[in-house]
N, C-alpha and C. Protein backbone atom coordinates (compact mmCIF):
# COMPACT_ATOMS: atom_id res chain seq x y z
N UNK A 1 171.43 139.86 124.94
CA UNK A 1 172.45 140.74 125.48
C UNK A 1 172.56 140.58 127.00
N UNK A 2 171.44 140.45 127.67
CA UNK A 2 171.46 140.32 129.13
C UNK A 2 172.26 139.10 129.56
N UNK A 3 172.12 137.98 128.84
CA UNK A 3 172.87 136.77 129.16
C UNK A 3 174.37 137.00 129.10
N UNK A 4 174.82 137.75 128.11
CA UNK A 4 176.24 138.08 127.98
C UNK A 4 176.70 138.89 129.18
N UNK A 5 175.90 139.87 129.59
CA UNK A 5 176.27 140.70 130.73
C UNK A 5 176.30 139.88 132.01
N UNK A 6 175.37 138.96 132.18
CA UNK A 6 175.37 138.09 133.36
C UNK A 6 176.65 137.26 133.40
N UNK A 7 177.04 136.71 132.27
CA UNK A 7 178.26 135.91 132.20
C UNK A 7 179.48 136.76 132.52
N UNK A 8 179.53 137.98 131.98
CA UNK A 8 180.66 138.88 132.25
C UNK A 8 180.75 139.18 133.74
N UNK A 9 179.62 139.38 134.37
CA UNK A 9 179.60 139.65 135.81
C UNK A 9 180.18 138.47 136.58
N UNK A 10 179.84 137.26 136.17
CA UNK A 10 180.39 136.06 136.82
C UNK A 10 181.91 136.00 136.64
N UNK A 11 182.39 136.31 135.45
CA UNK A 11 183.82 136.29 135.17
C UNK A 11 184.54 137.31 136.03
N UNK A 12 183.97 138.49 136.17
CA UNK A 12 184.57 139.54 136.99
C UNK A 12 184.62 139.12 138.45
N UNK A 13 183.53 138.58 138.96
CA UNK A 13 183.50 138.13 140.35
C UNK A 13 184.51 137.02 140.59
N UNK A 14 184.64 136.11 139.65
CA UNK A 14 185.62 135.02 139.77
C UNK A 14 187.04 135.58 139.78
N UNK A 15 187.29 136.56 138.92
CA UNK A 15 188.62 137.18 138.87
C UNK A 15 188.96 137.87 140.18
N UNK A 16 188.00 138.61 140.74
CA UNK A 16 188.23 139.25 142.04
C UNK A 16 188.55 138.21 143.11
N UNK A 17 187.80 137.13 143.13
CA UNK A 17 188.02 136.09 144.13
C UNK A 17 189.40 135.46 143.97
N UNK A 18 189.82 135.26 142.73
CA UNK A 18 191.11 134.65 142.45
C UNK A 18 192.27 135.53 142.86
N UNK A 19 192.15 136.84 142.63
CA UNK A 19 193.29 137.75 142.81
C UNK A 19 193.23 138.59 144.08
N UNK A 20 192.16 138.49 144.82
CA UNK A 20 191.97 139.35 145.98
C UNK A 20 193.13 139.30 146.97
N UNK A 21 193.53 138.12 147.37
CA UNK A 21 194.58 137.99 148.39
C UNK A 21 195.91 138.57 147.90
N UNK A 22 196.30 138.25 146.68
CA UNK A 22 197.58 138.75 146.14
C UNK A 22 197.56 140.26 146.00
N UNK A 23 196.46 140.80 145.53
CA UNK A 23 196.39 142.26 145.34
C UNK A 23 196.33 143.01 146.67
N UNK A 24 195.64 142.45 147.64
CA UNK A 24 195.63 143.08 148.97
C UNK A 24 197.03 143.05 149.57
N UNK A 25 197.73 141.94 149.40
CA UNK A 25 199.10 141.84 149.89
C UNK A 25 200.02 142.84 149.22
N UNK A 26 199.89 142.97 147.90
CA UNK A 26 200.69 143.95 147.16
C UNK A 26 200.38 145.37 147.63
N UNK A 27 199.11 145.64 147.87
CA UNK A 27 198.71 146.96 148.34
C UNK A 27 199.36 147.29 149.69
N UNK A 28 199.39 146.32 150.58
CA UNK A 28 200.01 146.53 151.89
C UNK A 28 201.52 146.76 151.76
N UNK A 29 202.16 146.00 150.88
CA UNK A 29 203.60 146.18 150.67
C UNK A 29 203.88 147.57 150.10
N UNK A 30 203.11 147.97 149.10
CA UNK A 30 203.30 149.30 148.49
C UNK A 30 203.11 150.39 149.53
N UNK A 31 202.12 150.24 150.37
CA UNK A 31 201.88 151.23 151.43
C UNK A 31 203.07 151.31 152.38
N UNK A 32 203.64 150.18 152.72
CA UNK A 32 204.78 150.13 153.64
C UNK A 32 206.06 150.70 153.01
N UNK A 33 206.19 150.62 151.69
CA UNK A 33 207.40 151.12 151.03
C UNK A 33 207.54 152.64 151.14
N UNK A 34 206.42 153.33 151.17
CA UNK A 34 206.39 154.79 151.32
C UNK A 34 207.29 155.50 150.30
N UNK A 35 207.23 155.06 149.06
CA UNK A 35 208.03 155.68 148.01
C UNK A 35 207.39 156.99 147.55
N UNK A 36 208.23 157.96 147.25
CA UNK A 36 207.77 159.27 146.80
C UNK A 36 207.35 159.21 145.33
N UNK A 37 206.55 160.18 144.91
CA UNK A 37 206.10 160.27 143.53
C UNK A 37 207.28 160.27 142.57
N UNK A 38 207.16 159.51 141.50
CA UNK A 38 208.17 159.35 140.46
C UNK A 38 209.44 158.67 140.98
N UNK A 39 209.38 158.11 142.17
CA UNK A 39 210.49 157.34 142.73
C UNK A 39 209.97 155.99 143.26
N UNK A 40 208.90 155.51 142.66
CA UNK A 40 208.25 154.27 143.11
C UNK A 40 208.89 153.06 142.43
N UNK A 41 210.19 152.92 142.57
CA UNK A 41 210.91 151.85 141.88
C UNK A 41 210.47 150.47 142.33
N UNK A 42 210.41 150.23 143.60
CA UNK A 42 210.02 148.91 144.11
C UNK A 42 208.53 148.65 143.86
N UNK A 43 207.70 149.66 144.06
CA UNK A 43 206.26 149.51 143.82
C UNK A 43 205.97 149.21 142.36
N UNK A 44 206.61 149.94 141.48
CA UNK A 44 206.43 149.75 140.04
C UNK A 44 206.86 148.34 139.64
N UNK A 45 207.99 147.89 140.16
CA UNK A 45 208.48 146.55 139.87
C UNK A 45 207.51 145.49 140.38
N UNK A 46 206.99 145.68 141.57
CA UNK A 46 206.04 144.74 142.17
C UNK A 46 204.79 144.59 141.29
N UNK A 47 204.22 145.71 140.88
CA UNK A 47 203.00 145.66 140.06
C UNK A 47 203.29 145.07 138.69
N UNK A 48 204.38 145.52 138.05
CA UNK A 48 204.72 145.01 136.71
C UNK A 48 204.98 143.50 136.76
N UNK A 49 205.69 143.04 137.77
CA UNK A 49 205.95 141.60 137.90
C UNK A 49 204.66 140.82 138.10
N UNK A 50 203.76 141.35 138.92
CA UNK A 50 202.47 140.68 139.12
C UNK A 50 201.72 140.56 137.80
N UNK A 51 201.68 141.64 137.04
CA UNK A 51 200.96 141.63 135.76
C UNK A 51 201.61 140.65 134.77
N UNK A 52 202.94 140.59 134.76
CA UNK A 52 203.61 139.61 133.88
C UNK A 52 203.23 138.19 134.27
N UNK A 53 203.14 137.92 135.56
CA UNK A 53 202.74 136.59 136.02
C UNK A 53 201.31 136.26 135.61
N UNK A 54 200.51 137.30 135.36
CA UNK A 54 199.13 137.11 134.92
C UNK A 54 199.00 137.18 133.40
N UNK A 55 200.11 137.00 132.71
CA UNK A 55 200.17 136.94 131.24
C UNK A 55 199.96 138.27 130.53
N UNK A 56 200.18 139.38 131.23
CA UNK A 56 200.21 140.67 130.56
C UNK A 56 201.58 140.83 129.91
N UNK A 57 201.63 141.54 128.79
CA UNK A 57 202.89 141.95 128.19
C UNK A 57 203.21 143.32 128.78
N UNK A 58 204.37 143.45 129.42
CA UNK A 58 204.71 144.69 130.11
C UNK A 58 205.85 145.39 129.39
N UNK A 59 205.61 146.65 129.04
CA UNK A 59 206.64 147.52 128.47
C UNK A 59 207.05 148.50 129.57
N UNK A 60 208.28 148.39 130.01
CA UNK A 60 208.78 149.19 131.13
C UNK A 60 209.52 150.42 130.65
N UNK A 61 209.70 151.36 131.58
CA UNK A 61 210.47 152.59 131.35
C UNK A 61 209.92 153.37 130.15
N UNK A 62 208.62 153.60 130.14
CA UNK A 62 208.02 154.34 129.03
C UNK A 62 208.04 155.84 129.33
N UNK A 63 207.89 156.62 128.31
CA UNK A 63 207.79 158.08 128.42
C UNK A 63 208.98 158.68 129.17
N UNK A 64 210.13 158.03 129.06
CA UNK A 64 211.32 158.55 129.72
C UNK A 64 211.29 158.47 131.23
N UNK A 65 210.40 157.65 131.77
CA UNK A 65 210.24 157.54 133.22
C UNK A 65 210.61 156.12 133.65
N UNK A 66 211.57 156.01 134.54
CA UNK A 66 212.06 154.70 134.98
C UNK A 66 210.99 153.87 135.69
N UNK A 67 209.97 154.51 136.24
CA UNK A 67 208.93 153.77 136.97
C UNK A 67 207.64 153.57 136.18
N UNK A 68 207.58 154.14 135.00
CA UNK A 68 206.36 154.06 134.19
C UNK A 68 206.34 152.78 133.36
N UNK A 69 205.13 152.24 133.16
CA UNK A 69 205.00 151.05 132.31
C UNK A 69 203.59 150.97 131.74
N UNK A 70 203.47 150.18 130.69
CA UNK A 70 202.17 149.83 130.11
C UNK A 70 202.11 148.31 130.10
N UNK A 71 201.03 147.76 130.61
CA UNK A 71 200.81 146.32 130.60
C UNK A 71 199.56 146.05 129.77
N UNK A 72 199.68 145.13 128.83
CA UNK A 72 198.59 144.85 127.91
C UNK A 72 198.28 143.35 127.92
N UNK A 73 196.99 143.03 127.91
CA UNK A 73 196.55 141.64 127.86
C UNK A 73 195.49 141.50 126.80
N UNK A 74 195.60 140.45 126.03
CA UNK A 74 194.58 140.14 125.05
C UNK A 74 194.48 138.63 124.92
N UNK A 75 193.32 138.17 124.47
CA UNK A 75 193.12 136.75 124.26
C UNK A 75 192.38 136.59 122.95
N UNK A 76 193.08 136.13 121.93
CA UNK A 76 192.46 135.94 120.63
C UNK A 76 191.91 137.24 120.09
N UNK A 77 190.65 137.24 119.72
CA UNK A 77 190.03 138.43 119.16
C UNK A 77 189.21 139.19 120.20
N UNK A 78 189.33 138.77 121.46
CA UNK A 78 188.58 139.42 122.54
C UNK A 78 189.17 140.79 122.81
N UNK A 79 188.46 141.64 123.53
CA UNK A 79 188.96 142.98 123.82
C UNK A 79 190.30 142.96 124.55
N UNK A 80 191.07 144.00 124.31
CA UNK A 80 192.37 144.17 124.95
C UNK A 80 192.18 144.93 126.26
N UNK A 81 192.92 144.52 127.28
CA UNK A 81 192.93 145.23 128.56
C UNK A 81 194.31 145.83 128.72
N UNK A 82 194.36 147.11 129.08
CA UNK A 82 195.64 147.77 129.25
C UNK A 82 195.69 148.44 130.62
N UNK A 83 196.81 148.29 131.30
CA UNK A 83 197.04 148.91 132.60
C UNK A 83 198.20 149.85 132.42
N UNK A 84 197.99 151.14 132.64
CA UNK A 84 199.04 152.13 132.44
C UNK A 84 199.42 152.76 133.76
N UNK A 85 200.72 152.83 134.04
CA UNK A 85 201.20 153.47 135.24
C UNK A 85 202.30 154.44 134.86
N UNK A 86 201.98 155.71 134.95
CA UNK A 86 202.96 156.75 134.61
C UNK A 86 203.05 157.70 135.76
């Protein structure tokens, strides 16, 4: 079991290294947009587009909210990862 956890830690660190610059850039853009709660149209679009580029399936405009979405990623029989923004 420890070997599996060590490998997972390596995968996580590699993912952070791969996405760090893009996510920091997105964070700065979102901060500059200064969108109000439930009016984060540009921020929501930015995040959803990023996730789609990373092979997530994105369902937009959920729960009757124009800025809400669910992004889901899976690979074969491996665990599913879901990112929810409401």
